[in-house]
Amino acid sequence: MLGCGKDPLGGKRNQDDREEFGTSLLRWADAQRVTHEDGLRMEIQGGFPPGDEAFDAFVGLFGMLQVCLHQREPGEPDERIIRGVEG
């Protein structure tokens, strides 16, 4: 997803980058027929003005949807200690 610094997708702390990446996520949602409220679409198109935590939650939700739609593997961590902390 988005990273810091030299990531070609930009940085999640930058509202303009979140807006640009959110546009891609909306295209994916539309292609998958994922419905959402107009208010959420406005937040996405505005680059999540509340900040990167709202953006993180949105990206996490879409990742979970991709798992449910069998478009990606869940990606549980392999290390036992991390699984103990992260669940």
PDB file of N, CA and C in Angstrom:
ATOM      1  N   MET A   1       0.839  -1.185   0.000  1.00  0.00           N
ATOM      2  CA  MET A   1       0.000   0.000   0.000  1.00  0.00           C
ATOM      3  C   MET A   1       0.881   1.244   0.000  1.00  0.00           C
ATOM      4  N   LEU A   2       0.409   2.249   0.661  1.00  0.00           N
ATOM      5  CA  LEU A   2       1.181   3.473   0.710  1.00  0.00           C
ATOM      6  C   LEU A   2       2.321   3.313   1.680  1.00  0.00           C
ATOM      7  N   GLY A   3       3.373   3.977   1.400  1.00  0.00           N
ATOM      8  CA  GLY A   3       4.522   3.892   2.278  1.00  0.00           C
ATOM      9  C   GLY A   3       5.021   5.266   2.656  1.00  0.00           C
ATOM     10  N   CYS A   4       6.244   5.282   3.093  1.00  0.00           N
ATOM     11  CA  CYS A   4       6.852   6.544   3.489  1.00  0.00           C
ATOM     12  C   CYS A   4       7.978   6.876   2.518  1.00  0.00           C
ATOM     13  N   GLY A   5       8.224   8.118   2.342  1.00  0.00           N
ATOM     14  CA  GLY A   5       9.383   8.547   1.590  1.00  0.00           C
ATOM     15  C   GLY A   5       9.345   8.250   0.110  1.00  0.00           C
ATOM     16  N   LYS A   6      10.128   7.273  -0.323  1.00  0.00           N
ATOM     17  CA  LYS A   6      10.356   7.030  -1.742  1.00  0.00           C
ATOM     18  C   LYS A   6       9.341   6.112  -2.390  1.00  0.00           C
ATOM     19  N   ASP A   7       8.306   5.737  -1.700  1.00  0.00           N
ATOM     20  CA  ASP A   7       7.278   4.872  -2.260  1.00  0.00           C
ATOM     21  C   ASP A   7       6.608   5.584  -3.428  1.00  0.00           C
ATOM     22  N   PRO A   8       6.501   4.924  -4.589  1.00  0.00           N
ATOM     23  CA  PRO A   8       5.881   5.587  -5.742  1.00  0.00           C
ATOM     24  C   PRO A   8       4.406   5.929  -5.536  1.00  0.00           C
ATOM     25  N   LEU A   9       3.764   5.314  -4.555  1.00  0.00           N
ATOM     26  CA  LEU A   9       2.363   5.612  -4.282  1.00  0.00           C
ATOM     27  C   LEU A   9       2.197   6.798  -3.347  1.00  0.00           C
ATOM     28  N   GLY A  10       3.279   7.301  -2.822  1.00  0.00           N
ATOM     29  CA  GLY A  10       3.198   8.445  -1.924  1.00  0.00           C
ATOM     30  C   GLY A  10       3.229   8.019  -0.473  1.00  0.00           C
ATOM     31  N   GLY A  11       2.720   8.871   0.385  1.00  0.00           N
ATOM     32  CA  GLY A  11       2.722   8.598   1.807  1.00  0.00           C
ATOM     33  C   GLY A  11       1.339   8.766   2.407  1.00  0.00           C
ATOM     34  N   LYS A  12       1.020   7.901   3.340  1.00  0.00           N
ATOM     35  CA  LYS A  12      -0.327   7.927   3.915  1.00  0.00           C
ATOM     36  C   LYS A  12      -0.569   9.167   4.773  1.00  0.00           C
ATOM     37  N   ARG A  13       0.465   9.853   5.171  1.00  0.00           N
ATOM     38  CA  ARG A  13       0.285  11.050   5.988  1.00  0.00           C
ATOM     39  C   ARG A  13       0.008  12.293   5.145  1.00  0.00           C
ATOM     40  N   ASN A  14       0.088  12.140   3.827  1.00  0.00           N
ATOM     41  CA  ASN A  14      -0.149  13.243   2.912  1.00  0.00           C
ATOM     42  C   ASN A  14      -1.564  13.127   2.351  1.00  0.00           C
ATOM     43  N   GLN A  15      -2.384  14.125   2.607  1.00  0.00           N
ATOM     44  CA  GLN A  15      -3.791  14.080   2.196  1.00  0.00           C
ATOM     45  C   GLN A  15      -3.944  13.933   0.682  1.00  0.00           C
ATOM     46  N   ASP A  16      -3.103  14.591  -0.092  1.00  0.00           N
ATOM     47  CA  ASP A  16      -3.179  14.465  -1.549  1.00  0.00           C
ATOM     48  C   ASP A  16      -2.881  13.042  -2.001  1.00  0.00           C
ATOM     49  N   ASP A  17      -1.906  12.399  -1.371  1.00  0.00           N
ATOM     50  CA  ASP A  17      -1.587  11.008  -1.699  1.00  0.00           C
ATOM     51  C   ASP A  17      -2.725  10.077  -1.311  1.00  0.00           C
ATOM     52  N   ARG A  18      -3.334  10.336  -0.148  1.00  0.00           N
ATOM     53  CA  ARG A  18      -4.474   9.515   0.270  1.00  0.00           C
ATOM     54  C   ARG A  18      -5.630   9.671  -0.710  1.00  0.00           C
ATOM     55  N   GLU A  19      -5.831  10.885  -1.194  1.00  0.00           N
ATOM     56  CA  GLU A  19      -6.901  11.140  -2.162  1.00  0.00           C
ATOM     57  C   GLU A  19      -6.640  10.374  -3.462  1.00  0.00           C
ATOM     58  N   GLU A  20      -5.416  10.428  -3.942  1.00  0.00           N
ATOM     59  CA  GLU A  20      -5.070   9.741  -5.192  1.00  0.00           C
ATOM     60  C   GLU A  20      -5.228   8.225  -5.047  1.00  0.00           C
ATOM     61  N   PHE A  21      -4.740   7.681  -3.951  1.00  0.00           N
ATOM     62  CA  PHE A  21      -4.846   6.241  -3.729  1.00  0.00           C
ATOM     63  C   PHE A  21      -6.302   5.845  -3.498  1.00  0.00           C
ATOM     64  N   GLY A  22      -7.050   6.679  -2.813  1.00  0.00           N
ATOM     65  CA  GLY A  22      -8.460   6.406  -2.566  1.00  0.00           C
ATOM     66  C   GLY A  22      -9.252   6.287  -3.852  1.00  0.00           C
ATOM     67  N   THR A  23      -8.876   7.063  -4.858  1.00  0.00           N
ATOM     68  CA  THR A  23      -9.540   6.974  -6.160  1.00  0.00           C
ATOM     69  C   THR A  23      -9.386   5.568  -6.742  1.00  0.00           C
ATOM     70  N   SER A  24      -8.209   4.994  -6.604  1.00  0.00           N
ATOM     71  CA  SER A  24      -7.984   3.622  -7.069  1.00  0.00           C
ATOM     72  C   SER A  24      -8.839   2.627  -6.290  1.00  0.00           C
ATOM     73  N   LEU A  25      -8.939   2.849  -4.997  1.00  0.00           N
ATOM     74  CA  LEU A  25      -9.749   1.951  -4.180  1.00  0.00           C
ATOM     75  C   LEU A  25     -11.233   2.064  -4.539  1.00  0.00           C
ATOM     76  N   LEU A  26     -11.685   3.255  -4.851  1.00  0.00           N
ATOM     77  CA  LEU A  26     -13.085   3.421  -5.271  1.00  0.00           C
ATOM     78  C   LEU A  26     -13.352   2.705  -6.595  1.00  0.00           C
ATOM     79  N   ARG A  27     -12.398   2.764  -7.505  1.00  0.00           N
ATOM     80  CA  ARG A  27     -12.562   2.042  -8.774  1.00  0.00           C
ATOM     81  C   ARG A  27     -12.678   0.543  -8.514  1.00  0.00           C
ATOM     82  N   TRP A  28     -11.846   0.029  -7.610  1.00  0.00           N
ATOM     83  CA  TRP A  28     -11.917  -1.387  -7.267  1.00  0.00           C
ATOM     84  C   TRP A  28     -13.285  -1.703  -6.655  1.00  0.00           C
ATOM     85  N   ALA A  29     -13.737  -0.871  -5.725  1.00  0.00           N
ATOM     86  CA  ALA A  29     -15.027  -1.092  -5.071  1.00  0.00           C
ATOM     87  C   ALA A  29     -16.164  -1.101  -6.082  1.00  0.00           C
ATOM     88  N   ASP A  30     -16.135  -0.170  -6.999  1.00  0.00           N
ATOM     89  CA  ASP A  30     -17.178  -0.103  -8.022  1.00  0.00           C
ATOM     90  C   ASP A  30     -17.155  -1.358  -8.891  1.00  0.00           C
ATOM     91  N   ALA A  31     -15.966  -1.816  -9.257  1.00  0.00           N
ATOM     92  CA  ALA A  31     -15.845  -3.021 -10.090  1.00  0.00           C
ATOM     93  C   ALA A  31     -16.349  -4.263  -9.360  1.00  0.00           C
ATOM     94  N   GLN A  32     -16.224  -4.265  -8.020  1.00  0.00           N
ATOM     95  CA  GLN A  32     -16.651  -5.414  -7.217  1.00  0.00           C
ATOM     96  C   GLN A  32     -18.091  -5.274  -6.732  1.00  0.00           C
ATOM     97  N   ARG A  33     -18.704  -4.174  -7.075  1.00  0.00           N
ATOM     98  CA  ARG A  33     -20.064  -3.854  -6.613  1.00  0.00           C
ATOM     99  C   ARG A  33     -20.140  -3.721  -5.093  1.00  0.00           C
ATOM    100  N   VAL A  34     -19.090  -3.204  -4.515  1.00  0.00           N
ATOM    101  CA  VAL A  34     -19.068  -2.913  -3.082  1.00  0.00           C
ATOM    102  C   VAL A  34     -19.802  -1.594  -2.888  1.00  0.00           C
ATOM    103  N   THR A  35     -20.845  -1.626  -2.093  1.00  0.00           N
ATOM    104  CA  THR A  35     -21.619  -0.407  -1.864  1.00  0.00           C
ATOM    105  C   THR A  35     -21.107   0.310  -0.615  1.00  0.00           C
ATOM    106  N   HIS A  36     -21.294   1.600  -0.604  1.00  0.00           N
ATOM    107  CA  HIS A  36     -20.878   2.415   0.529  1.00  0.00           C
ATOM    108  C   HIS A  36     -21.729   3.685   0.535  1.00  0.00           C
ATOM    109  N   GLU A  37     -21.771   4.306   1.670  1.00  0.00           N
ATOM    110  CA  GLU A  37     -22.564   5.515   1.806  1.00  0.00           C
ATOM    111  C   GLU A  37     -21.882   6.690   1.108  1.00  0.00           C
ATOM    112  N   ASP A  38     -22.685   7.646   0.700  1.00  0.00           N
ATOM    113  CA  ASP A  38     -22.155   8.823   0.024  1.00  0.00           C
ATOM    114  C   ASP A  38     -21.143   9.569   0.892  1.00  0.00           C
ATOM    115  N   GLY A  39     -21.381   9.587   2.188  1.00  0.00           N
ATOM    116  CA  GLY A  39     -20.453  10.267   3.096  1.00  0.00           C
ATOM    117  C   GLY A  39     -19.069   9.667   3.061  1.00  0.00           C
ATOM    118  N   LEU A  40     -18.997   8.336   2.953  1.00  0.00           N
ATOM    119  CA  LEU A  40     -17.691   7.678   2.863  1.00  0.00           C
ATOM    120  C   LEU A  40     -17.019   8.039   1.545  1.00  0.00           C
ATOM    121  N   ARG A  41     -17.780   8.039   0.471  1.00  0.00           N
ATOM    122  CA  ARG A  41     -17.209   8.412  -0.839  1.00  0.00           C
ATOM    123  C   ARG A  41     -16.625   9.827  -0.765  1.00  0.00           C
ATOM    124  N   MET A  42     -17.314  10.727  -0.101  1.00  0.00           N
ATOM    125  CA  MET A  42     -16.814  12.102   0.025  1.00  0.00           C
ATOM    126  C   MET A  42     -15.520  12.140   0.832  1.00  0.00           C
ATOM    127  N   GLU A  43     -15.440  11.345   1.895  1.00  0.00           N
ATOM    128  CA  GLU A  43     -14.211  11.272   2.694  1.00  0.00           C
ATOM    129  C   GLU A  43     -13.052  10.767   1.838  1.00  0.00           C
ATOM    130  N   ILE A  44     -13.323   9.718   1.062  1.00  0.00           N
ATOM    131  CA  ILE A  44     -12.289   9.127   0.206  1.00  0.00           C
ATOM    132  C   ILE A  44     -11.831  10.140  -0.840  1.00  0.00           C
ATOM    133  N   GLN A  45     -12.784  10.750  -1.520  1.00  0.00           N
ATOM    134  CA  GLN A  45     -12.449  11.706  -2.575  1.00  0.00           C
ATOM    135  C   GLN A  45     -11.745  12.948  -2.026  1.00  0.00           C
ATOM    136  N   GLY A  46     -11.954  13.242  -0.764  1.00  0.00           N
ATOM    137  CA  GLY A  46     -11.283  14.371  -0.130  1.00  0.00           C
ATOM    138  C   GLY A  46      -9.961  14.014   0.501  1.00  0.00           C
ATOM    139  N   GLY A  47      -9.530  12.749   0.356  1.00  0.00           N
ATOM    140  CA  GLY A  47      -8.250  12.338   0.920  1.00  0.00           C
ATOM    141  C   GLY A  47      -8.280  12.124   2.420  1.00  0.00           C
ATOM    142  N   PHE A  48      -9.445  11.781   2.946  1.00  0.00           N
ATOM    143  CA  PHE A  48      -9.624  11.534   4.376  1.00  0.00           C
ATOM    144  C   PHE A  48      -9.131  12.716   5.215  1.00  0.00           C
ATOM    145  N   PRO A  49      -9.848  13.834   5.170  1.00  0.00           N
ATOM    146  CA  PRO A  49      -9.448  14.995   5.962  1.00  0.00           C
ATOM    147  C   PRO A  49      -9.235  14.705   7.452  1.00  0.00           C
ATOM    148  N   PRO A  50      -9.991  13.734   8.054  1.00  0.00           N
ATOM    149  CA  PRO A  50      -9.732  13.472   9.469  1.00  0.00           C
ATOM    150  C   PRO A  50      -8.320  12.949   9.746  1.00  0.00           C
ATOM    151  N   GLY A  51      -7.641  12.413   8.724  1.00  0.00           N
ATOM    152  CA  GLY A  51      -6.267  11.975   8.917  1.00  0.00           C
ATOM    153  C   GLY A  51      -6.005  10.553   8.489  1.00  0.00           C
ATOM    154  N   ASP A  52      -4.747  10.141   8.723  1.00  0.00           N
ATOM    155  CA  ASP A  52      -4.316   8.851   8.220  1.00  0.00           C
ATOM    156  C   ASP A  52      -4.901   7.664   8.995  1.00  0.00           C
ATOM    157  N   GLU A  53      -5.391   7.860  10.203  1.00  0.00           N
ATOM    158  CA  GLU A  53      -5.997   6.736  10.923  1.00  0.00           C
ATOM    159  C   GLU A  53      -7.292   6.285  10.251  1.00  0.00           C
ATOM    160  N   ALA A  54      -8.090   7.232   9.794  1.00  0.00           N
ATOM    161  CA  ALA A  54      -9.313   6.887   9.059  1.00  0.00           C
ATOM    162  C   ALA A  54      -8.951   6.193   7.756  1.00  0.00           C
ATOM    163  N   PHE A  55      -7.916   6.665   7.102  1.00  0.00           N
ATOM    164  CA  PHE A  55      -7.440   6.050   5.865  1.00  0.00           C
ATOM    165  C   PHE A  55      -6.980   4.617   6.135  1.00  0.00           C
ATOM    166  N   ASP A  56      -6.207   4.415   7.199  1.00  0.00           N
ATOM    167  CA  ASP A  56      -5.744   3.070   7.559  1.00  0.00           C
ATOM    168  C   ASP A  56      -6.917   2.114   7.768  1.00  0.00           C
ATOM    169  N   ALA A  57      -7.949   2.582   8.443  1.00  0.00           N
ATOM    170  CA  ALA A  57      -9.122   1.738   8.693  1.00  0.00           C
ATOM    171  C   ALA A  57      -9.797   1.359   7.381  1.00  0.00           C
ATOM    172  N   PHE A  58      -9.901   2.306   6.476  1.00  0.00           N
ATOM    173  CA  PHE A  58     -10.515   2.066   5.179  1.00  0.00           C
ATOM    174  C   PHE A  58      -9.709   1.047   4.372  1.00  0.00           C
ATOM    175  N   VAL A  59      -8.410   1.226   4.303  1.00  0.00           N
ATOM    176  CA  VAL A  59      -7.552   0.296   3.570  1.00  0.00           C
ATOM    177  C   VAL A  59      -7.624  -1.091   4.200  1.00  0.00           C
ATOM    178  N   GLY A  60      -7.645  -1.157   5.531  1.00  0.00           N
ATOM    179  CA  GLY A  60      -7.773  -2.442   6.216  1.00  0.00           C
ATOM    180  C   GLY A  60      -9.084  -3.134   5.889  1.00  0.00           C
ATOM    181  N   LEU A  61     -10.156  -2.373   5.852  1.00  0.00           N
ATOM    182  CA  LEU A  61     -11.461  -2.926   5.501  1.00  0.00           C
ATOM    183  C   LEU A  61     -11.440  -3.505   4.089  1.00  0.00           C
ATOM    184  N   PHE A  62     -10.872  -2.764   3.159  1.00  0.00           N
ATOM    185  CA  PHE A  62     -10.824  -3.265   1.785  1.00  0.00           C
ATOM    186  C   PHE A  62      -9.939  -4.501   1.684  1.00  0.00           C
ATOM    187  N   GLY A  63      -8.886  -4.564   2.470  1.00  0.00           N
ATOM    188  CA  GLY A  63      -8.068  -5.776   2.504  1.00  0.00           C
ATOM    189  C   GLY A  63      -8.876  -6.975   2.990  1.00  0.00           C
ATOM    190  N   MET A  64      -9.692  -6.758   4.013  1.00  0.00           N
ATOM    191  CA  MET A  64     -10.543  -7.840   4.513  1.00  0.00           C
ATOM    192  C   MET A  64     -11.570  -8.265   3.468  1.00  0.00           C
ATOM    193  N   LEU A  65     -12.119  -7.292   2.747  1.00  0.00           N
ATOM    194  CA  LEU A  65     -13.068  -7.626   1.682  1.00  0.00           C
ATOM    195  C   LEU A  65     -12.391  -8.469   0.605  1.00  0.00           C
ATOM    196  N   GLN A  66     -11.158  -8.140   0.269  1.00  0.00           N
ATOM    197  CA  GLN A  66     -10.440  -8.927  -0.730  1.00  0.00           C
ATOM    198  C   GLN A  66     -10.231 -10.364  -0.252  1.00  0.00           C
ATOM    199  N   VAL A  67      -9.983 -10.547   1.027  1.00  0.00           N
ATOM    200  CA  VAL A  67      -9.848 -11.899   1.576  1.00  0.00           C
ATOM    201  C   VAL A  67     -11.180 -12.627   1.462  1.00  0.00           C
ATOM    202  N   CYS A  68     -12.270 -11.967   1.842  1.00  0.00           N
ATOM    203  CA  CYS A  68     -13.597 -12.587   1.777  1.00  0.00           C
ATOM    204  C   CYS A  68     -14.002 -12.927   0.346  1.00  0.00           C
ATOM    205  N   LEU A  69     -13.539 -12.134  -0.611  1.00  0.00           N
ATOM    206  CA  LEU A  69     -13.848 -12.371  -2.015  1.00  0.00           C
ATOM    207  C   LEU A  69     -12.842 -13.323  -2.676  1.00  0.00           C
ATOM    208  N   HIS A  70     -11.929 -13.873  -1.869  1.00  0.00           N
ATOM    209  CA  HIS A  70     -10.894 -14.813  -2.337  1.00  0.00           C
ATOM    210  C   HIS A  70      -9.993 -14.191  -3.390  1.00  0.00           C
ATOM    211  N   GLN A  71      -9.707 -12.902  -3.229  1.00  0.00           N
ATOM    212  CA  GLN A  71      -8.807 -12.207  -4.146  1.00  0.00           C
ATOM    213  C   GLN A  71      -7.401 -12.094  -3.582  1.00  0.00           C
ATOM    214  N   ARG A  72      -7.241 -12.440  -2.318  1.00  0.00           N
ATOM    215  CA  ARG A  72      -5.923 -12.431  -1.682  1.00  0.00           C
ATOM    216  C   ARG A  72      -5.945 -13.348  -0.480  1.00  0.00           C
ATOM    217  N   GLU A  73      -4.787 -13.781  -0.060  1.00  0.00           N
ATOM    218  CA  GLU A  73      -4.652 -14.619   1.133  1.00  0.00           C
ATOM    219  C   GLU A  73      -4.734 -13.732   2.374  1.00  0.00           C
ATOM    220  N   PRO A  74      -5.165 -14.310   3.488  1.00  0.00           N
ATOM    221  CA  PRO A  74      -5.275 -13.516   4.714  1.00  0.00           C
ATOM    222  C   PRO A  74      -3.947 -12.895   5.153  1.00  0.00           C
ATOM    223  N   GLY A  75      -2.859 -13.623   5.003  1.00  0.00           N
ATOM    224  CA  GLY A  75      -1.549 -13.066   5.340  1.00  0.00           C
ATOM    225  C   GLY A  75      -1.244 -13.007   6.817  1.00  0.00           C
ATOM    226  N   GLU A  76      -1.626 -14.061   7.557  1.00  0.00           N
ATOM    227  CA  GLU A  76      -1.277 -14.095   8.972  1.00  0.00           C
ATOM    228  C   GLU A  76       0.240 -14.126   9.118  1.00  0.00           C
ATOM    229  N   PRO A  77       0.771 -13.472  10.155  1.00  0.00           N
ATOM    230  CA  PRO A  77       2.222 -13.490  10.360  1.00  0.00           C
ATOM    231  C   PRO A  77       2.711 -14.895  10.688  1.00  0.00           C
ATOM    232  N   ASP A  78       3.912 -15.215  10.217  1.00  0.00           N
ATOM    233  CA  ASP A  78       4.488 -16.538  10.460  1.00  0.00           C
ATOM    234  C   ASP A  78       5.103 -16.670  11.847  1.00  0.00           C
ATOM    235  N   GLU A  79       5.558 -15.577  12.414  1.00  0.00           N
ATOM    236  CA  GLU A  79       6.252 -15.643  13.692  1.00  0.00           C
ATOM    237  C   GLU A  79       5.273 -15.775  14.853  1.00  0.00           C
ATOM    238  N   ARG A  80       5.524 -16.764  15.688  1.00  0.00           N
ATOM    239  CA  ARG A  80       4.633 -17.067  16.818  1.00  0.00           C
ATOM    240  C   ARG A  80       4.448 -15.873  17.751  1.00  0.00           C
ATOM    241  N   ILE A  81       5.519 -15.190  18.063  1.00  0.00           N
ATOM    242  CA  ILE A  81       5.440 -14.055  19.000  1.00  0.00           C
ATOM    243  C   ILE A  81       4.555 -12.930  18.421  1.00  0.00           C
ATOM    244  N   ILE A  82       4.641 -12.707  17.118  1.00  0.00           N
ATOM    245  CA  ILE A  82       3.807 -11.665  16.497  1.00  0.00           C
ATOM    246  C   ILE A  82       2.357 -12.097  16.495  1.00  0.00           C
ATOM    247  N   ARG A  83       2.090 -13.372  16.205  1.00  0.00           N
ATOM    248  CA  ARG A  83       0.704 -13.845  16.236  1.00  0.00           C
ATOM    249  C   ARG A  83       0.122 -13.703  17.628  1.00  0.00           C
ATOM    250  N   GLY A  84       0.940 -13.867  18.661  1.00  0.00           N
ATOM    251  CA  GLY A  84       0.474 -13.733  20.035  1.00  0.00           C
ATOM    252  C   GLY A  84       0.067 -12.313  20.364  1.00  0.00           C
ATOM    253  N   VAL A  85       0.723 -11.340  19.777  1.00  0.00           N
ATOM    254  CA  VAL A  85       0.428  -9.928  20.033  1.00  0.00           C
ATOM    255  C   VAL A  85      -0.688  -9.443  19.116  1.00  0.00           C
ATOM    256  N   GLU A  86      -0.588  -9.794  17.840  1.00  0.00           N
ATOM    257  CA  GLU A  86      -1.529  -9.295  16.838  1.00  0.00           C
ATOM    258  C   GLU A  86      -2.805 -10.117  16.774  1.00  0.00           C
ATOM    259  N   GLY A  87      -2.812 -11.290  17.330  1.00  0.00           N
ATOM    260  CA  GLY A  87      -4.015 -12.133  17.280  1.00  0.00           C
ATOM    261  C   GLY A  87      -3.893 -13.084  16.183  1.00  0.00           C
TER     262      GLY A  87
END
